[in-house]
Amino acid sequence: MLRVFRKLMIAYYTVCFVCVVVVTGVMTWIVQGLEPYYILFIDFISAMICIFVIALIFNIIALKKYYKIGKIRLEECNLDKFIFENEKLLNKNRNRSIRNFLLINIAGAYLEKQDLQRAKEVLDSIIDFKNTNFDKNNKISYVSNLTSYLIRIKQFDEARKTLDRMQYYIKALKAVAEKNSANEAYFSLQQLLKMEEKNNYEGAEEFYLDKLKKSIFMLEKVKWQFVLSKIYLRENRTDETKHFLCFAAEHGGTTYYAQEAKIYLGKLKETEQNFGDIINQL
């Protein structure tokens, strides 16, 4: 994550250089009188420890910096600002893995804005992934976004193929937490595909209520409540529909969910208890 921030990287290398010079100098003075190879060994170990500690500190700083940017999307639901901040970082970075990471996040934000054309353009600009753990996660996020895009444009056969690819990539992950998170995304897309392609809503309410219960960030709560409102709308469950639509409209910021929720609320107000016309548009 440190590589995302160019200025922070420069600061990291500067601090490393200064600290290594100072620490090795001090250690050399402390152990003076020993055999030269002992002194070199002690200096080397001291330098490695110094670099490790500094790298750990700077990576924590970088994670916190990007977490603040992430909160713009996840908590404020301000997708335009989130895209702007990521594009600023993108313009300053030449590292392929980092650029892919940023592009995937930008594409995801465009999907949440329902700007499908721009989302596809960004996804198409992503180049090959390296065989690193960081890029393995990037690849899964990329395929997840691509599947979401394909479902929205109703290319269901292609969506199933990308879901199969996603499942294959998930198996390559070693960390349990990463694998669990990726599987959550996979099952969500699988459920969405079943609903959109086959109009099969069996078990959907329970699935999304569970997702809502586990939600931490506002964007997740908005998304799942919007999906649930569409399920309840089909069942003519007025109170639940309005409740979840109101939440999405009020807290969804610049997301597609908020904009659509406002439209549905307007139509509900016009038609009152008659949901037929609205349901046909889902």
C-alpha atoms as a PDB file:
ATOM      1  CA  MET A   1       0.000   0.000   0.000  1.00  0.00           C
ATOM      2  CA  LEU A   2       2.964   2.298   0.606  1.00  0.00           C
ATOM      3  CA  ARG A   3       3.637   2.404  -3.142  1.00  0.00           C
ATOM      4  CA  VAL A   4       0.284   4.103  -3.717  1.00  0.00           C
ATOM      5  CA  PHE A   5       1.618   7.362  -2.292  1.00  0.00           C
ATOM      6  CA  ARG A   6       4.647   8.717  -4.130  1.00  0.00           C
ATOM      7  CA  LYS A   7       5.590  11.389  -1.588  1.00  0.00           C
ATOM      8  CA  LEU A   8       5.311   8.889   1.232  1.00  0.00           C
ATOM      9  CA  MET A   9       7.615   6.530  -0.656  1.00  0.00           C
ATOM     10  CA  ILE A  10      10.216   9.276  -1.039  1.00  0.00           C
ATOM     11  CA  ALA A  11       9.931  10.047   2.665  1.00  0.00           C
ATOM     12  CA  TYR A  12      10.310   6.340   3.451  1.00  0.00           C
ATOM     13  CA  TYR A  13      13.546   5.991   1.473  1.00  0.00           C
ATOM     14  CA  THR A  14      14.918   9.197   2.990  1.00  0.00           C
ATOM     15  CA  VAL A  15      14.159   8.113   6.547  1.00  0.00           C
ATOM     16  CA  CYS A  16      15.582   4.648   5.870  1.00  0.00           C
ATOM     17  CA  PHE A  17      18.843   6.097   4.569  1.00  0.00           C
ATOM     18  CA  VAL A  18      19.271   8.484   7.495  1.00  0.00           C
ATOM     19  CA  CYS A  19      18.337   5.896  10.115  1.00  0.00           C
ATOM     20  CA  VAL A  20      20.583   3.201   8.658  1.00  0.00           C
ATOM     21  CA  VAL A  21      23.546   5.595   8.584  1.00  0.00           C
ATOM     22  CA  VAL A  22      22.918   6.729  12.160  1.00  0.00           C
ATOM     23  CA  VAL A  23      22.166   3.273  13.589  1.00  0.00           C
ATOM     24  CA  THR A  24      25.118   1.545  11.926  1.00  0.00           C
ATOM     25  CA  GLY A  25      27.386   4.387  12.997  1.00  0.00           C
ATOM     26  CA  VAL A  26      26.252   4.116  16.600  1.00  0.00           C
ATOM     27  CA  MET A  27      26.517   0.316  16.602  1.00  0.00           C
ATOM     28  CA  THR A  28      30.011   0.478  15.103  1.00  0.00           C
ATOM     29  CA  TRP A  29      31.073   2.833  17.871  1.00  0.00           C
ATOM     30  CA  ILE A  30      29.502   0.605  20.559  1.00  0.00           C
ATOM     31  CA  VAL A  31      31.163  -2.604  19.375  1.00  0.00           C
ATOM     32  CA  GLN A  32      34.493  -1.085  18.406  1.00  0.00           C
ATOM     33  CA  GLY A  33      37.359  -3.367  19.252  1.00  0.00           C
ATOM     34  CA  LEU A  34      35.664  -6.487  17.908  1.00  0.00           C
ATOM     35  CA  GLU A  35      36.823  -8.288  14.811  1.00  0.00           C
ATOM     36  CA  PRO A  36      35.831  -6.410  11.607  1.00  0.00           C
ATOM     37  CA  TYR A  37      33.543  -9.205  10.362  1.00  0.00           C
ATOM     38  CA  TYR A  38      31.661  -9.146  13.678  1.00  0.00           C
ATOM     39  CA  ILE A  39      31.194  -5.409  13.326  1.00  0.00           C
ATOM     40  CA  LEU A  40      29.935  -5.817   9.738  1.00  0.00           C
ATOM     41  CA  PHE A  41      27.511  -8.538  10.815  1.00  0.00           C
ATOM     42  CA  ILE A  42      26.142  -6.434  13.688  1.00  0.00           C
ATOM     43  CA  ASP A  43      25.817  -3.407  11.393  1.00  0.00           C
ATOM     44  CA  PHE A  44      23.959  -5.511   8.819  1.00  0.00           C
ATOM     45  CA  ILE A  45      21.502  -6.911  11.375  1.00  0.00           C
ATOM     46  CA  SER A  46      20.949  -3.441  12.847  1.00  0.00           C
ATOM     47  CA  ALA A  47      20.284  -1.988   9.393  1.00  0.00           C
ATOM     48  CA  MET A  48      17.788  -4.759   8.532  1.00  0.00           C
ATOM     49  CA  ILE A  49      15.887  -4.276  11.788  1.00  0.00           C
ATOM     50  CA  CYS A  50      15.844  -0.537  11.213  1.00  0.00           C
ATOM     51  CA  ILE A  51      14.487  -0.899   7.671  1.00  0.00           C
ATOM     52  CA  PHE A  52      11.863  -3.433   8.784  1.00  0.00           C
ATOM     53  CA  VAL A  53      10.552  -1.188  11.567  1.00  0.00           C
ATOM     54  CA  ILE A  54      10.457   1.885   9.332  1.00  0.00           C
ATOM     55  CA  ALA A  55       8.691  -0.059   6.558  1.00  0.00           C
ATOM     56  CA  LEU A  56       6.102  -1.286   9.056  1.00  0.00           C
ATOM     57  CA  ILE A  57       5.457   2.233  10.339  1.00  0.00           C
ATOM     58  CA  PHE A  58       5.200   3.766   6.870  1.00  0.00           C
ATOM     59  CA  ASN A  59       2.897   1.006   5.626  1.00  0.00           C
ATOM     60  CA  ILE A  60       0.581   1.646   8.562  1.00  0.00           C
ATOM     61  CA  ILE A  61       0.593   5.346   7.667  1.00  0.00           C
ATOM     62  CA  ALA A  62      -0.180   4.491   4.022  1.00  0.00           C
ATOM     63  CA  LEU A  63      -3.030   2.178   5.020  1.00  0.00           C
ATOM     64  CA  LYS A  64      -4.553   4.912   7.156  1.00  0.00           C
ATOM     65  CA  LYS A  65      -4.213   7.432   4.327  1.00  0.00           C
ATOM     66  CA  TYR A  66      -5.967   5.181   1.829  1.00  0.00           C
ATOM     67  CA  TYR A  67      -8.550   4.162   4.410  1.00  0.00           C
ATOM     68  CA  LYS A  68      -9.520   7.835   4.629  1.00  0.00           C
ATOM     69  CA  ILE A  69      -9.981   7.883   0.861  1.00  0.00           C
ATOM     70  CA  GLY A  70     -11.939   4.640   1.052  1.00  0.00           C
ATOM     71  CA  LYS A  71     -14.274   6.143   3.642  1.00  0.00           C
ATOM     72  CA  ILE A  72     -15.296   8.775   1.092  1.00  0.00           C
ATOM     73  CA  ARG A  73     -16.915   5.922  -0.830  1.00  0.00           C
ATOM     74  CA  LEU A  74     -17.821   3.525   1.955  1.00  0.00           C
ATOM     75  CA  GLU A  75     -19.135   5.962   4.562  1.00  0.00           C
ATOM     76  CA  GLU A  76     -19.940   9.200   2.735  1.00  0.00           C
ATOM     77  CA  CYS A  77     -21.126   7.466  -0.458  1.00  0.00           C
ATOM     78  CA  ASN A  78     -19.513  10.320  -2.379  1.00  0.00           C
ATOM     79  CA  LEU A  79     -18.420   8.492  -5.501  1.00  0.00           C
ATOM     80  CA  ASP A  80     -17.389  11.544  -7.513  1.00  0.00           C
ATOM     81  CA  LYS A  81     -14.922  12.631  -4.859  1.00  0.00           C
ATOM     82  CA  PHE A  82     -13.671   9.058  -4.437  1.00  0.00           C
ATOM     83  CA  ILE A  83     -13.008   8.780  -8.172  1.00  0.00           C
ATOM     84  CA  PHE A  84     -11.254  12.153  -8.171  1.00  0.00           C
ATOM     85  CA  GLU A  85      -8.930  11.168  -5.306  1.00  0.00           C
ATOM     86  CA  ASN A  86      -8.053   7.844  -6.937  1.00  0.00           C
ATOM     87  CA  GLU A  87      -7.398   9.476 -10.293  1.00  0.00           C
ATOM     88  CA  LYS A  88      -4.985  11.899  -8.613  1.00  0.00           C
ATOM     89  CA  LEU A  89      -3.050   8.945  -7.219  1.00  0.00           C
ATOM     90  CA  LEU A  90      -3.253   7.161 -10.563  1.00  0.00           C
ATOM     91  CA  ASN A  91      -1.686  10.092 -12.405  1.00  0.00           C
ATOM     92  CA  LYS A  92       1.291  10.042 -10.044  1.00  0.00           C
ATOM     93  CA  ASN A  93       1.928   6.305 -10.142  1.00  0.00           C
ATOM     94  CA  ARG A  94       3.622   4.141 -12.749  1.00  0.00           C
ATOM     95  CA  ASN A  95       3.678   0.867 -10.829  1.00  0.00           C
ATOM     96  CA  ARG A  96       1.528  -1.600 -12.765  1.00  0.00           C
ATOM     97  CA  SER A  97       0.067  -3.382  -9.748  1.00  0.00           C
ATOM     98  CA  ILE A  98      -0.807  -0.142  -7.998  1.00  0.00           C
ATOM     99  CA  ARG A  99      -2.329   1.300 -11.163  1.00  0.00           C
ATOM    100  CA  ASN A 100      -4.474  -1.815 -11.550  1.00  0.00           C
ATOM    101  CA  PHE A 101      -5.560  -1.512  -7.923  1.00  0.00           C
ATOM    102  CA  LEU A 102      -6.597   2.113  -8.394  1.00  0.00           C
ATOM    103  CA  LEU A 103      -8.313   1.463 -11.734  1.00  0.00           C
ATOM    104  CA  ILE A 104     -10.331  -1.397 -10.238  1.00  0.00           C
ATOM    105  CA  ASN A 105     -11.523   0.891  -7.446  1.00  0.00           C
ATOM    106  CA  ILE A 106     -12.422   3.613  -9.943  1.00  0.00           C
ATOM    107  CA  ALA A 107     -14.335   1.119 -12.095  1.00  0.00           C
ATOM    108  CA  GLY A 108     -16.215  -0.110  -9.029  1.00  0.00           C
ATOM    109  CA  ALA A 109     -17.247   3.439  -8.200  1.00  0.00           C
ATOM    110  CA  TYR A 110     -18.517   3.989 -11.742  1.00  0.00           C
ATOM    111  CA  LEU A 111     -20.575   0.806 -11.436  1.00  0.00           C
ATOM    112  CA  GLU A 112     -22.096   2.146  -8.229  1.00  0.00           C
ATOM    113  CA  LYS A 113     -22.957   5.323 -10.144  1.00  0.00           C
ATOM    114  CA  GLN A 114     -24.480   3.156 -12.901  1.00  0.00           C
ATOM    115  CA  ASP A 115     -22.120   4.774 -15.399  1.00  0.00           C
ATOM    116  CA  LEU A 116     -21.653   1.472 -17.190  1.00  0.00           C
ATOM    117  CA  GLN A 117     -19.872   2.815 -20.247  1.00  0.00           C
ATOM    118  CA  ARG A 118     -17.207   4.560 -18.200  1.00  0.00           C
ATOM    119  CA  ALA A 119     -16.859   1.528 -15.914  1.00  0.00           C
ATOM    120  CA  LYS A 120     -16.196  -0.712 -18.922  1.00  0.00           C
ATOM    121  CA  GLU A 121     -13.663   1.740 -20.355  1.00  0.00           C
ATOM    122  CA  VAL A 122     -11.741   1.715 -17.083  1.00  0.00           C
ATOM    123  CA  LEU A 123     -11.889  -2.079 -16.806  1.00  0.00           C
ATOM    124  CA  ASP A 124     -10.623  -2.389 -20.382  1.00  0.00           C
ATOM    125  CA  SER A 125      -7.628  -0.197 -19.529  1.00  0.00           C
ATOM    126  CA  ILE A 126      -6.391  -2.652 -16.902  1.00  0.00           C
ATOM    127  CA  ILE A 127      -3.395  -4.663 -18.093  1.00  0.00           C
ATOM    128  CA  ASP A 128      -1.976  -8.033 -17.070  1.00  0.00           C
ATOM    129  CA  PHE A 129      -1.638  -8.985 -13.427  1.00  0.00           C
ATOM    130  CA  LYS A 130       1.564 -10.188 -11.817  1.00  0.00           C
ATOM    131  CA  ASN A 131       1.761 -13.432  -9.886  1.00  0.00           C
ATOM    132  CA  THR A 132       1.918 -11.743  -6.479  1.00  0.00           C
ATOM    133  CA  ASN A 133      -0.518 -11.999  -3.594  1.00  0.00           C
ATOM    134  CA  PHE A 134      -1.432  -8.336  -4.054  1.00  0.00           C
ATOM    135  CA  ASP A 135      -2.248  -8.909  -7.724  1.00  0.00           C
ATOM    136  CA  LYS A 136      -4.148 -12.109  -6.966  1.00  0.00           C
ATOM    137  CA  ASN A 137      -6.542  -9.991  -4.922  1.00  0.00           C
ATOM    138  CA  ASN A 138      -6.563  -7.372  -7.671  1.00  0.00           C
ATOM    139  CA  LYS A 139      -7.520 -10.034 -10.197  1.00  0.00           C
ATOM    140  CA  ILE A 140     -10.456 -11.204  -8.080  1.00  0.00           C
ATOM    141  CA  SER A 141     -11.692  -7.626  -7.638  1.00  0.00           C
ATOM    142  CA  TYR A 142     -11.350  -7.055 -11.379  1.00  0.00           C
ATOM    143  CA  VAL A 143     -13.382 -10.166 -12.258  1.00  0.00           C
ATOM    144  CA  SER A 144     -15.956  -9.231  -9.613  1.00  0.00           C
ATOM    145  CA  ASN A 145     -16.451  -5.803 -11.194  1.00  0.00           C
ATOM    146  CA  LEU A 146     -16.552  -7.307 -14.675  1.00  0.00           C
ATOM    147  CA  THR A 147     -19.209  -9.825 -13.603  1.00  0.00           C
ATOM    148  CA  SER A 148     -21.304  -7.062 -12.073  1.00  0.00           C
ATOM    149  CA  TYR A 149     -21.035  -5.092 -15.313  1.00  0.00           C
ATOM    150  CA  LEU A 150     -22.037  -8.089 -17.446  1.00  0.00           C
ATOM    151  CA  ILE A 151     -25.055  -8.818 -15.256  1.00  0.00           C
ATOM    152  CA  ARG A 152     -26.220  -5.223 -15.537  1.00  0.00           C
ATOM    153  CA  ILE A 153     -26.050  -5.266 -19.330  1.00  0.00           C
ATOM    154  CA  LYS A 154     -27.767  -8.681 -19.254  1.00  0.00           C
ATOM    155  CA  GLN A 155     -24.941 -10.683 -20.821  1.00  0.00           C
ATOM    156  CA  PHE A 156     -25.656 -13.573 -18.506  1.00  0.00           C
ATOM    157  CA  ASP A 157     -23.661 -16.270 -20.310  1.00  0.00           C
ATOM    158  CA  GLU A 158     -20.517 -14.159 -20.121  1.00  0.00           C
ATOM    159  CA  ALA A 159     -21.287 -13.314 -16.500  1.00  0.00           C
ATOM    160  CA  ARG A 160     -21.385 -17.010 -15.618  1.00  0.00           C
ATOM    161  CA  LYS A 161     -18.014 -17.527 -17.289  1.00  0.00           C
ATOM    162  CA  THR A 162     -16.415 -14.693 -15.332  1.00  0.00           C
ATOM    163  CA  LEU A 163     -17.943 -16.060 -12.128  1.00  0.00           C
ATOM    164  CA  ASP A 164     -16.274 -19.394 -12.858  1.00  0.00           C
ATOM    165  CA  ARG A 165     -12.973 -17.568 -13.339  1.00  0.00           C
ATOM    166  CA  MET A 166     -13.501 -15.764 -10.059  1.00  0.00           C
ATOM    167  CA  GLN A 167     -14.046 -19.037  -8.219  1.00  0.00           C
ATOM    168  CA  TYR A 168     -10.846 -20.412  -9.750  1.00  0.00           C
ATOM    169  CA  TYR A 169      -8.854 -17.360  -8.648  1.00  0.00           C
ATOM    170  CA  ILE A 170     -10.284 -17.530  -5.131  1.00  0.00           C
ATOM    171  CA  LYS A 171      -8.910 -21.047  -4.722  1.00  0.00           C
ATOM    172  CA  ALA A 172      -5.401 -19.658  -5.252  1.00  0.00           C
ATOM    173  CA  LEU A 173      -5.662 -17.405  -2.192  1.00  0.00           C
ATOM    174  CA  LYS A 174      -3.901 -18.646   0.920  1.00  0.00           C
ATOM    175  CA  ALA A 175      -5.000 -16.214   3.626  1.00  0.00           C
ATOM    176  CA  VAL A 176      -8.279 -17.329   5.208  1.00  0.00           C
ATOM    177  CA  ALA A 177      -9.567 -13.775   5.690  1.00  0.00           C
ATOM    178  CA  GLU A 178      -8.912 -12.900   2.043  1.00  0.00           C
ATOM    179  CA  LYS A 179     -10.563 -16.097   0.847  1.00  0.00           C
ATOM    180  CA  ASN A 180     -13.639 -15.526   3.029  1.00  0.00           C
ATOM    181  CA  SER A 181     -14.004 -11.960   1.793  1.00  0.00           C
ATOM    182  CA  ALA A 182     -13.681 -13.048  -1.833  1.00  0.00           C
ATOM    183  CA  ASN A 183     -16.223 -15.825  -1.322  1.00  0.00           C
ATOM    184  CA  GLU A 184     -18.697 -13.305   0.115  1.00  0.00           C
ATOM    185  CA  ALA A 185     -18.397 -11.270  -3.083  1.00  0.00           C
ATOM    186  CA  TYR A 186     -18.718 -14.419  -5.194  1.00  0.00           C
ATOM    187  CA  PHE A 187     -21.926 -15.582  -3.492  1.00  0.00           C
ATOM    188  CA  SER A 188     -23.429 -12.092  -3.760  1.00  0.00           C
ATOM    189  CA  LEU A 189     -22.828 -12.054  -7.509  1.00  0.00           C
ATOM    190  CA  GLN A 190     -24.148 -15.587  -7.819  1.00  0.00           C
ATOM    191  CA  GLN A 191     -27.367 -14.562  -6.068  1.00  0.00           C
ATOM    192  CA  LEU A 192     -27.680 -11.439  -8.209  1.00  0.00           C
ATOM    193  CA  LEU A 193     -27.195 -13.461 -11.394  1.00  0.00           C
ATOM    194  CA  LYS A 194     -29.911 -15.899 -10.340  1.00  0.00           C
ATOM    195  CA  MET A 195     -32.319 -13.045  -9.688  1.00  0.00           C
ATOM    196  CA  GLU A 196     -31.592 -11.083 -12.846  1.00  0.00           C
ATOM    197  CA  GLU A 197     -31.308 -13.955 -15.316  1.00  0.00           C
ATOM    198  CA  LYS A 198     -33.976 -16.346 -14.100  1.00  0.00           C
ATOM    199  CA  ASN A 199     -36.169 -13.962 -12.132  1.00  0.00           C
ATOM    200  CA  ASN A 200     -35.647 -16.403  -9.274  1.00  0.00           C
ATOM    201  CA  TYR A 201     -35.998 -14.702  -5.906  1.00  0.00           C
ATOM    202  CA  GLU A 202     -36.141 -17.855  -3.818  1.00  0.00           C
ATOM    203  CA  GLY A 203     -34.091 -17.339  -0.663  1.00  0.00           C
ATOM    204  CA  ALA A 204     -33.169 -13.806  -1.732  1.00  0.00           C
ATOM    205  CA  GLU A 205     -34.773 -12.054   1.224  1.00  0.00           C
ATOM    206  CA  GLU A 206     -32.947 -14.210   3.770  1.00  0.00           C
ATOM    207  CA  PHE A 207     -29.682 -13.856   1.867  1.00  0.00           C
ATOM    208  CA  TYR A 208     -29.771 -10.061   1.723  1.00  0.00           C
ATOM    209  CA  LEU A 209     -31.090  -9.642   5.252  1.00  0.00           C
ATOM    210  CA  ASP A 210     -28.047 -11.590   6.392  1.00  0.00           C
ATOM    211  CA  LYS A 211     -25.810  -9.367   4.252  1.00  0.00           C
ATOM    212  CA  LEU A 212     -27.442  -6.294   5.765  1.00  0.00           C
ATOM    213  CA  LYS A 213     -26.957  -7.625   9.278  1.00  0.00           C
ATOM    214  CA  LYS A 214     -23.239  -8.123   8.632  1.00  0.00           C
ATOM    215  CA  SER A 215     -22.789  -4.735   6.959  1.00  0.00           C
ATOM    216  CA  ILE A 216     -20.256  -2.386   8.504  1.00  0.00           C
ATOM    217  CA  PHE A 217     -20.106   0.522   6.085  1.00  0.00           C
ATOM    218  CA  MET A 218     -22.901   2.837   5.007  1.00  0.00           C
ATOM    219  CA  LEU A 219     -22.504   1.965   1.326  1.00  0.00           C
ATOM    220  CA  GLU A 220     -23.138  -1.702   2.104  1.00  0.00           C
ATOM    221  CA  LYS A 221     -26.224  -0.845   4.145  1.00  0.00           C
ATOM    222  CA  VAL A 222     -27.556   1.349   1.350  1.00  0.00           C
ATOM    223  CA  LYS A 223     -26.897  -1.278  -1.307  1.00  0.00           C
ATOM    224  CA  TRP A 224     -28.510  -4.185   0.526  1.00  0.00           C
ATOM    225  CA  GLN A 225     -31.507  -2.147   1.650  1.00  0.00           C
ATOM    226  CA  PHE A 226     -32.066  -1.014  -1.921  1.00  0.00           C
ATOM    227  CA  VAL A 227     -31.943  -4.618  -3.146  1.00  0.00           C
ATOM    228  CA  LEU A 228     -34.331  -5.679  -0.387  1.00  0.00           C
ATOM    229  CA  SER A 229     -36.728  -2.877  -1.312  1.00  0.00           C
ATOM    230  CA  LYS A 230     -36.940  -4.288  -4.845  1.00  0.00           C
ATOM    231  CA  ILE A 231     -37.699  -7.730  -3.434  1.00  0.00           C
ATOM    232  CA  TYR A 232     -40.433  -6.340  -1.182  1.00  0.00           C
ATOM    233  CA  LEU A 233     -41.801  -4.248  -4.023  1.00  0.00           C
ATOM    234  CA  ARG A 234     -42.458  -7.415  -5.995  1.00  0.00           C
ATOM    235  CA  GLU A 235     -44.379  -8.815  -3.046  1.00  0.00           C
ATOM    236  CA  ASN A 236     -46.467  -5.652  -2.545  1.00  0.00           C
ATOM    237  CA  ARG A 237     -45.037  -5.205   0.949  1.00  0.00           C
ATOM    238  CA  THR A 238     -45.571  -1.475   1.164  1.00  0.00           C
ATOM    239  CA  ASP A 239     -44.116  -0.603   4.545  1.00  0.00           C
ATOM    240  CA  GLU A 240     -40.855  -2.530   4.114  1.00  0.00           C
ATOM    241  CA  THR A 241     -40.431  -1.195   0.587  1.00  0.00           C
ATOM    242  CA  LYS A 242     -40.819   2.430   1.622  1.00  0.00           C
ATOM    243  CA  HIS A 243     -38.634   1.998   4.694  1.00  0.00           C
ATOM    244  CA  PHE A 244     -35.675   0.620   2.754  1.00  0.00           C
ATOM    245  CA  LEU A 245     -36.127   2.994  -0.181  1.00  0.00           C
ATOM    246  CA  CYS A 246     -36.147   5.974   2.169  1.00  0.00           C
ATOM    247  CA  PHE A 247     -32.939   4.788   3.805  1.00  0.00           C
ATOM    248  CA  ALA A 248     -31.204   4.329   0.452  1.00  0.00           C
ATOM    249  CA  ALA A 249     -32.420   7.698  -0.819  1.00  0.00           C
ATOM    250  CA  GLU A 250     -31.357   9.534   2.328  1.00  0.00           C
ATOM    251  CA  HIS A 251     -27.962   7.934   2.900  1.00  0.00           C
ATOM    252  CA  GLY A 252     -26.906   6.803  -0.573  1.00  0.00           C
ATOM    253  CA  GLY A 253     -25.140  10.004  -1.606  1.00  0.00           C
ATOM    254  CA  THR A 254     -24.233   9.993  -5.297  1.00  0.00           C
ATOM    255  CA  THR A 255     -24.786   6.269  -5.750  1.00  0.00           C
ATOM    256  CA  TYR A 256     -27.104   4.693  -8.273  1.00  0.00           C
ATOM    257  CA  TYR A 257     -29.025   3.162  -5.366  1.00  0.00           C
ATOM    258  CA  ALA A 258     -29.963   6.563  -3.969  1.00  0.00           C
ATOM    259  CA  GLN A 259     -31.013   7.957  -7.339  1.00  0.00           C
ATOM    260  CA  GLU A 260     -33.139   4.922  -8.170  1.00  0.00           C
ATOM    261  CA  ALA A 261     -34.653   4.885  -4.683  1.00  0.00           C
ATOM    262  CA  LYS A 262     -35.832   8.469  -5.146  1.00  0.00           C
ATOM    263  CA  ILE A 263     -37.414   7.560  -8.474  1.00  0.00           C
ATOM    264  CA  TYR A 264     -39.214   4.558  -6.989  1.00  0.00           C
ATOM    265  CA  LEU A 265     -40.429   6.609  -4.027  1.00  0.00           C
ATOM    266  CA  GLY A 266     -41.854   9.181  -6.410  1.00  0.00           C
ATOM    267  CA  LYS A 267     -43.680   6.511  -8.369  1.00  0.00           C
ATOM    268  CA  LEU A 268     -44.964   4.891  -5.194  1.00  0.00           C
ATOM    269  CA  LYS A 269     -46.358   8.214  -4.097  1.00  0.00           C
ATOM    270  CA  GLU A 270     -48.132   8.623  -7.420  1.00  0.00           C
ATOM    271  CA  THR A 271     -49.554   5.109  -7.580  1.00  0.00           C
ATOM    272  CA  GLU A 272     -50.062   4.576  -3.839  1.00  0.00           C
ATOM    273  CA  GLN A 273     -50.957   0.896  -3.418  1.00  0.00           C
ATOM    274  CA  ASN A 274     -50.783   0.013  -7.126  1.00  0.00           C
ATOM    275  CA  PHE A 275     -47.311  -1.471  -7.675  1.00  0.00           C
ATOM    276  CA  GLY A 276     -47.945  -3.172 -11.003  1.00  0.00           C
ATOM    277  CA  ASP A 277     -46.380  -0.563 -13.277  1.00  0.00           C
ATOM    278  CA  ILE A 278     -43.325  -0.184 -11.073  1.00  0.00           C
ATOM    279  CA  ILE A 279     -42.745  -3.920 -10.778  1.00  0.00           C
ATOM    280  CA  ASN A 280     -42.738  -4.255 -14.554  1.00  0.00           C
ATOM    281  CA  GLN A 281     -39.826  -1.804 -14.718  1.00  0.00           C
ATOM    282  CA  LEU A 282     -37.585  -3.769 -12.346  1.00  0.00           C
END
